[in-house]
Amino acid sequence: MSGTPAQPSGPWQQQDLLSGLLAPTPSPQPSPTPPPGVEAAAEQPDGSPGTLLIVDTETTGLDPERDHCLEVGAILFHVRSRAVLSQVSFLLPVRDNPAEAINGIAAATTRLPQPWRQGLCCFEAMAASADAVLAHNAAFDRQWFGRGELPALAAPWICSMEDIRWPPERGLRPNPSVRDLALAYGVPVWAAHRALTDCIYLAQVLQRCRQLEALLVAAREPRQLFRAQLSYAERHKAKQAGFRWNDPVPGAWSRRLSAREASALPFPVQPVRPTQEAA
């Protein structure tokens, strides 16, 4: 964004702000370049990202075409030093929140006077300083950016649920929840379903992960969807390997894998064409 708009000073201005937020979605805009004095992030010699933007969102529903993002949490994390550089959390005004029972955020709370635009500017500066975005279930979070007030994020995304293969000694099942991942690394879990809280859990996991650089490099390998070629009697093998039944390929066990991971499986798999995913 080119500047910071003035904050609303009365109810009529708040309503105008809200109507603007819920207007038709504008074309996505790229993340800004780093401001003067802020160095852009750079990948390390081993190919791992130097700085991560850990992101989480809370929304009014699951469909970005009709629902809205009402909270963003983010942490700028330096990989080599395992250090939190900056963090921010802010609410976005919404008229109603059908998901209040899940995230505990009342729609009226989002409309209280608050410096959410300044929070958004801070978020954009953090995004410009990161060379990768990390989220748990990134496929869900990334679809809200480039819509409404939220900028599009140009950096590559890494999913801590699907892309990172956490060490076997942690005893995690494939595609673990944030809660299970945190507990596996000895991180206390004290709350759920607020954006910055989940970002803090992920940051603390990364701080405790000795193999982090290697895991991030592997997580960024190109992946595609594969279908398990197994009989009904052998379906347990697919489940143990983290394949999902009927999701996203109807009537099949499937999972996104790199070519290296697919070749290492103890059973045959077949690539899924994009047209087959929703067939």
Protein backbone atom coordinates (compact mmCIF):
# COMPACT_ATOMS: atom_id res chain seq x y z
CA MET A 1 0.00 0.00 0.00
CA SER A 2 1.28 3.47 -0.81
CA GLY A 3 0.24 5.10 2.46
CA THR A 4 -1.67 4.73 5.71
CA PRO A 5 -5.26 5.99 5.55
CA ALA A 6 -6.61 7.98 8.50
CA GLN A 7 -8.44 6.05 11.18
CA PRO A 8 -12.25 6.45 11.51
CA SER A 9 -13.40 8.92 14.17
CA GLY A 10 -17.12 8.20 14.30
CA PRO A 11 -19.78 5.53 13.71
CA TRP A 12 -20.65 6.80 10.22
CA GLN A 13 -17.03 6.50 9.14
CA GLN A 14 -16.76 2.99 10.60
CA GLN A 15 -19.77 1.93 8.54
CA ASP A 16 -18.18 3.39 5.41
CA LEU A 17 -15.00 1.48 6.16
CA LEU A 18 -16.95 -1.73 6.59
CA SER A 19 -18.88 -1.32 3.36
CA GLY A 20 -15.58 -0.82 1.57
CA LEU A 21 -14.18 -4.00 3.10
CA LEU A 22 -17.12 -6.07 1.89
CA ALA A 23 -17.09 -4.59 -1.61
CA PRO A 24 -16.29 -6.79 -4.63
CA THR A 25 -12.81 -8.30 -4.47
CA PRO A 26 -10.18 -6.15 -6.22
CA SER A 27 -7.41 -7.57 -8.35
CA PRO A 28 -4.59 -9.05 -6.19
CA GLN A 29 -1.65 -6.74 -5.65
CA PRO A 30 1.93 -7.96 -5.14
CA SER A 31 3.62 -7.54 -1.79
CA PRO A 32 5.55 -4.27 -1.52
CA THR A 33 9.31 -4.00 -1.75
CA PRO A 34 11.12 -3.58 1.57
CA PRO A 35 11.06 0.00 2.89
CA PRO A 36 14.32 1.97 3.13
CA GLY A 37 16.65 0.50 5.74
CA VAL A 38 15.07 -2.96 5.60
CA GLU A 39 17.05 -5.67 3.84
CA ALA A 40 15.24 -8.20 1.70
CA ALA A 41 15.51 -11.79 2.90
CA ALA A 42 17.87 -14.17 1.13
CA GLU A 43 18.01 -17.94 0.89
CA GLN A 44 20.90 -19.76 2.53
CA PRO A 45 23.59 -21.66 0.56
CA ASP A 46 21.84 -24.95 1.36
CA GLY A 47 18.64 -23.70 -0.29
CA SER A 48 16.70 -23.17 2.95
CA PRO A 49 14.84 -19.86 3.39
CA GLY A 50 16.66 -17.28 5.49
CA THR A 51 13.50 -15.75 6.95
CA LEU A 52 9.97 -17.14 7.27
CA LEU A 53 6.69 -15.29 7.59
CA ILE A 54 4.60 -17.56 9.83
CA VAL A 55 0.94 -16.81 9.09
CA ASP A 56 -2.45 -17.84 10.42
CA THR A 57 -5.95 -16.54 9.73
CA GLU A 58 -9.37 -16.68 11.35
CA THR A 59 -12.37 -16.43 9.04
CA THR A 60 -16.15 -16.19 9.08
CA GLY A 61 -16.42 -19.43 7.10
CA LEU A 62 -14.66 -21.79 4.72
CA ASP A 63 -15.55 -20.23 1.35
CA PRO A 64 -13.43 -17.20 0.34
CA GLU A 65 -15.99 -16.34 -2.35
CA ARG A 66 -18.64 -15.47 0.23
CA ASP A 67 -16.91 -15.46 3.62
CA HIS A 68 -14.30 -13.05 4.98
CA CYS A 69 -11.03 -13.08 6.88
CA LEU A 70 -11.52 -11.32 10.21
CA GLU A 71 -8.13 -11.86 11.89
CA VAL A 72 -4.52 -12.22 10.76
CA GLY A 73 -1.58 -13.24 12.92
CA ALA A 74 2.01 -13.26 11.71
CA ILE A 75 5.54 -13.78 13.02
CA LEU A 76 8.74 -12.93 11.15
CA PHE A 77 11.14 -15.76 11.99
CA HIS A 78 14.89 -15.94 11.30
CA VAL A 79 15.74 -19.56 10.51
CA ARG A 80 19.47 -19.76 11.24
CA SER A 81 19.28 -18.03 14.64
CA ARG A 82 15.86 -19.55 15.46
CA ALA A 83 14.77 -16.05 16.48
CA VAL A 84 11.45 -14.21 16.38
CA LEU A 85 12.14 -10.85 14.73
CA SER A 86 8.67 -9.33 14.74
CA GLN A 87 5.05 -10.26 15.31
CA VAL A 88 1.67 -8.69 14.67
CA SER A 89 -2.02 -9.52 15.04
CA PHE A 90 -5.01 -7.48 13.94
CA LEU A 91 -8.74 -7.78 13.31
CA LEU A 92 -10.55 -6.85 10.11
CA PRO A 93 -14.09 -5.39 10.40
CA VAL A 94 -16.95 -7.73 9.44
CA ARG A 95 -20.73 -7.41 9.69
CA ASP A 96 -21.29 -10.89 11.12
CA ASN A 97 -19.32 -13.99 12.04
CA PRO A 98 -21.09 -17.34 11.64
CA ALA A 99 -17.90 -19.04 12.93
CA GLU A 100 -17.92 -17.22 16.28
CA ALA A 101 -18.57 -20.49 18.12
CA ILE A 102 -15.25 -21.78 16.74
CA ASN A 103 -12.92 -18.78 16.90
CA GLY A 104 -14.62 -16.85 19.71
CA ILE A 105 -14.45 -13.52 17.87
CA ALA A 106 -17.65 -11.47 18.02
CA ALA A 107 -18.35 -9.47 14.86
CA ALA A 108 -19.04 -6.40 17.01
CA THR A 109 -15.52 -6.68 18.44
CA THR A 110 -14.00 -6.40 14.96
CA ARG A 111 -15.81 -3.08 14.48
CA LEU A 112 -14.51 -1.42 17.64
CA PRO A 113 -12.08 1.48 17.05
CA GLN A 114 -8.64 -0.05 16.58
CA PRO A 115 -5.53 0.58 14.43
CA TRP A 116 -6.07 -2.37 12.12
CA ARG A 117 -4.80 -0.49 9.07
CA GLN A 118 -1.50 0.18 10.83
CA GLY A 119 -1.36 -3.51 11.72
CA LEU A 120 -1.92 -4.34 8.06
CA CYS A 121 0.93 -2.00 7.05
CA CYS A 122 3.22 -3.73 9.56
CA PHE A 123 2.19 -7.10 8.13
CA GLU A 124 3.03 -5.95 4.59
CA ALA A 125 6.48 -4.78 5.71
CA MET A 126 7.09 -8.14 7.40
CA ALA A 127 5.99 -9.97 4.24
CA ALA A 128 8.43 -7.92 2.16
CA SER A 129 11.25 -9.01 4.49
CA ALA A 130 10.54 -12.76 4.20
CA ASP A 131 11.49 -15.15 1.41
CA ALA A 132 8.95 -17.84 2.30
CA VAL A 133 5.54 -18.00 3.97
CA LEU A 134 4.81 -20.84 6.40
CA ALA A 135 1.31 -21.82 7.52
CA HIS A 136 -0.36 -24.88 8.98
CA ASN A 137 -2.79 -26.03 6.29
CA ALA A 138 -1.42 -23.43 3.90
CA ALA A 139 -3.96 -24.35 1.21
CA PHE A 140 -6.65 -22.81 3.42
CA ASP A 141 -4.79 -19.70 4.58
CA ARG A 142 -3.30 -18.63 1.25
CA GLN A 143 -6.69 -18.36 -0.48
CA TRP A 144 -7.62 -15.31 1.66
CA PHE A 145 -4.67 -13.20 0.50
CA GLY A 146 -5.17 -10.98 -2.53
CA ARG A 147 -8.81 -10.48 -1.47
CA GLY A 148 -10.40 -7.45 0.13
CA GLU A 149 -7.85 -5.58 2.25
CA LEU A 150 -5.30 -8.40 2.36
CA PRO A 151 -2.38 -8.18 -0.08
CA ALA A 152 -1.30 -11.03 -2.31
CA LEU A 153 1.85 -12.71 -0.99
CA ALA A 154 4.46 -13.28 -3.69
CA ALA A 155 6.82 -15.47 -1.64
CA PRO A 156 6.54 -19.28 -1.96
CA TRP A 157 4.38 -21.05 0.61
CA ILE A 158 5.39 -23.95 2.85
CA CYS A 159 2.76 -26.01 4.65
CA SER A 160 3.85 -27.22 8.09
CA MET A 161 1.06 -29.80 7.99
CA GLU A 162 1.56 -31.38 4.53
CA ASP A 163 4.95 -30.29 3.17
CA ILE A 164 7.21 -30.82 6.18
CA ARG A 165 7.99 -34.43 7.09
CA TRP A 166 8.52 -34.14 10.84
CA PRO A 167 11.12 -36.51 12.37
CA PRO A 168 9.73 -40.02 13.06
CA GLU A 169 10.97 -39.94 16.67
CA ARG A 170 8.37 -37.29 17.41
CA GLY A 171 5.66 -39.92 16.97
CA LEU A 172 3.42 -37.71 14.84
CA ARG A 173 0.86 -39.07 12.41
CA PRO A 174 0.94 -37.70 8.85
CA ASN A 175 -0.66 -34.24 8.51
CA PRO A 176 -0.66 -33.49 12.27
CA SER A 177 -2.75 -30.77 13.87
CA VAL A 178 -1.06 -27.67 15.31
CA ARG A 179 -1.91 -28.96 18.79
CA ASP A 180 -0.31 -32.36 18.22
CA LEU A 181 2.75 -30.80 16.60
CA ALA A 182 3.23 -28.40 19.52
CA LEU A 183 2.86 -31.11 22.14
CA ALA A 184 5.30 -33.38 20.27
CA TYR A 185 7.95 -30.68 20.71
CA GLY A 186 7.07 -29.96 24.34
CA VAL A 187 5.32 -26.66 23.61
CA PRO A 188 2.49 -25.97 26.09
CA VAL A 189 -0.92 -25.53 24.45
CA TRP A 190 -3.02 -23.00 26.33
CA ALA A 191 -5.57 -21.80 23.75
CA ALA A 192 -6.80 -22.46 20.24
CA HIS A 193 -8.38 -20.74 17.26
CA ARG A 194 -6.77 -17.32 17.56
CA ALA A 195 -4.38 -16.43 14.78
CA LEU A 196 -1.34 -15.19 16.70
CA THR A 197 -1.58 -18.02 19.23
CA ASP A 198 -1.19 -20.66 16.52
CA CYS A 199 1.72 -18.68 15.01
CA ILE A 200 3.45 -18.70 18.42
CA TYR A 201 3.05 -22.49 18.64
CA LEU A 202 4.67 -22.91 15.22
CA ALA A 203 7.51 -20.50 16.02
CA GLN A 204 8.30 -22.38 19.23
CA VAL A 205 8.28 -25.69 17.36
CA LEU A 206 10.73 -24.28 14.80
CA GLN A 207 12.96 -22.99 17.60
CA ARG A 208 13.20 -26.52 19.03
CA CYS A 209 13.73 -28.29 15.70
CA ARG A 210 17.42 -29.15 15.17
CA GLN A 211 16.88 -30.39 11.61
CA LEU A 212 14.89 -27.32 10.55
CA GLU A 213 17.02 -26.26 7.56
CA ALA A 214 17.01 -29.76 6.06
CA LEU A 215 13.27 -30.12 6.63
CA LEU A 216 12.57 -26.79 4.92
CA VAL A 217 14.71 -27.71 1.91
CA ALA A 218 12.84 -31.01 1.52
CA ALA A 219 9.50 -29.25 2.04
CA ARG A 220 10.16 -27.04 -0.97
CA GLU A 221 10.64 -29.91 -3.40
CA PRO A 222 8.05 -29.83 -6.24
CA ARG A 223 5.04 -31.97 -5.38
CA GLN A 224 2.13 -33.44 -7.27
CA LEU A 225 -0.87 -35.54 -6.39
CA PHE A 226 -0.43 -39.32 -6.48
CA ARG A 227 -3.01 -42.11 -6.23
CA ALA A 228 -2.12 -45.31 -4.33
CA GLN A 229 -2.32 -48.47 -6.44
CA LEU A 230 -3.48 -50.87 -3.73
CA SER A 231 -6.20 -53.43 -3.29
CA TYR A 232 -8.96 -52.99 -0.74
CA ALA A 233 -7.23 -55.49 1.56
CA GLU A 234 -4.05 -53.38 1.48
CA ARG A 235 -5.71 -50.03 2.11
CA HIS A 236 -4.09 -49.80 5.56
CA LYS A 237 -0.73 -49.26 3.84
CA ALA A 238 -2.00 -46.11 2.17
CA LYS A 239 -3.46 -44.79 5.42
CA GLN A 240 -0.19 -45.43 7.29
CA ALA A 241 1.69 -43.53 4.56
CA GLY A 242 -0.50 -40.45 5.06
CA PHE A 243 -2.79 -40.93 2.05
CA ARG A 244 -6.37 -39.68 2.38
CA TRP A 245 -9.43 -41.55 1.19
CA ASN A 246 -11.79 -39.64 -1.09
CA ASP A 247 -9.91 -36.34 -0.57
CA PRO A 248 -9.27 -34.71 -2.95
CA VAL A 249 -9.65 -37.62 -5.42
CA PRO A 250 -13.09 -39.29 -5.14
CA GLY A 251 -12.92 -43.04 -4.55
CA ALA A 252 -9.14 -43.19 -4.12
CA TRP A 253 -6.32 -42.92 -1.59
CA SER A 254 -4.23 -39.90 -2.57
CA ARG A 255 -1.47 -37.63 -1.29
CA ARG A 256 0.80 -34.88 -2.63
CA LEU A 257 4.38 -36.13 -2.83
CA SER A 258 7.71 -35.21 -4.38
CA ALA A 259 9.16 -37.58 -6.96
CA ARG A 260 11.72 -38.69 -4.37
CA GLU A 261 9.03 -39.50 -1.80
CA ALA A 262 6.90 -41.35 -4.35
CA SER A 263 9.81 -43.56 -5.41
CA ALA A 264 10.58 -44.45 -1.79
CA LEU A 265 7.08 -45.81 -1.05
CA PRO A 266 6.73 -49.59 -0.49
CA PHE A 267 3.75 -49.74 -2.88
CA PRO A 268 3.07 -48.41 -6.41
CA VAL A 269 1.47 -45.03 -7.03
CA GLN A 270 0.17 -43.22 -10.08
CA PRO A 271 0.21 -39.45 -10.78
CA VAL A 272 -3.22 -37.83 -10.78
CA ARG A 273 -4.07 -35.47 -13.64
CA PRO A 274 -5.75 -32.18 -12.56
CA THR A 275 -8.95 -33.21 -14.32
CA GLN A 276 -9.15 -36.33 -12.14
CA GLU A 277 -9.07 -34.51 -8.81
CA ALA A 278 -12.73 -33.55 -8.89
CA ALA A 279 -13.90 -36.34 -11.20
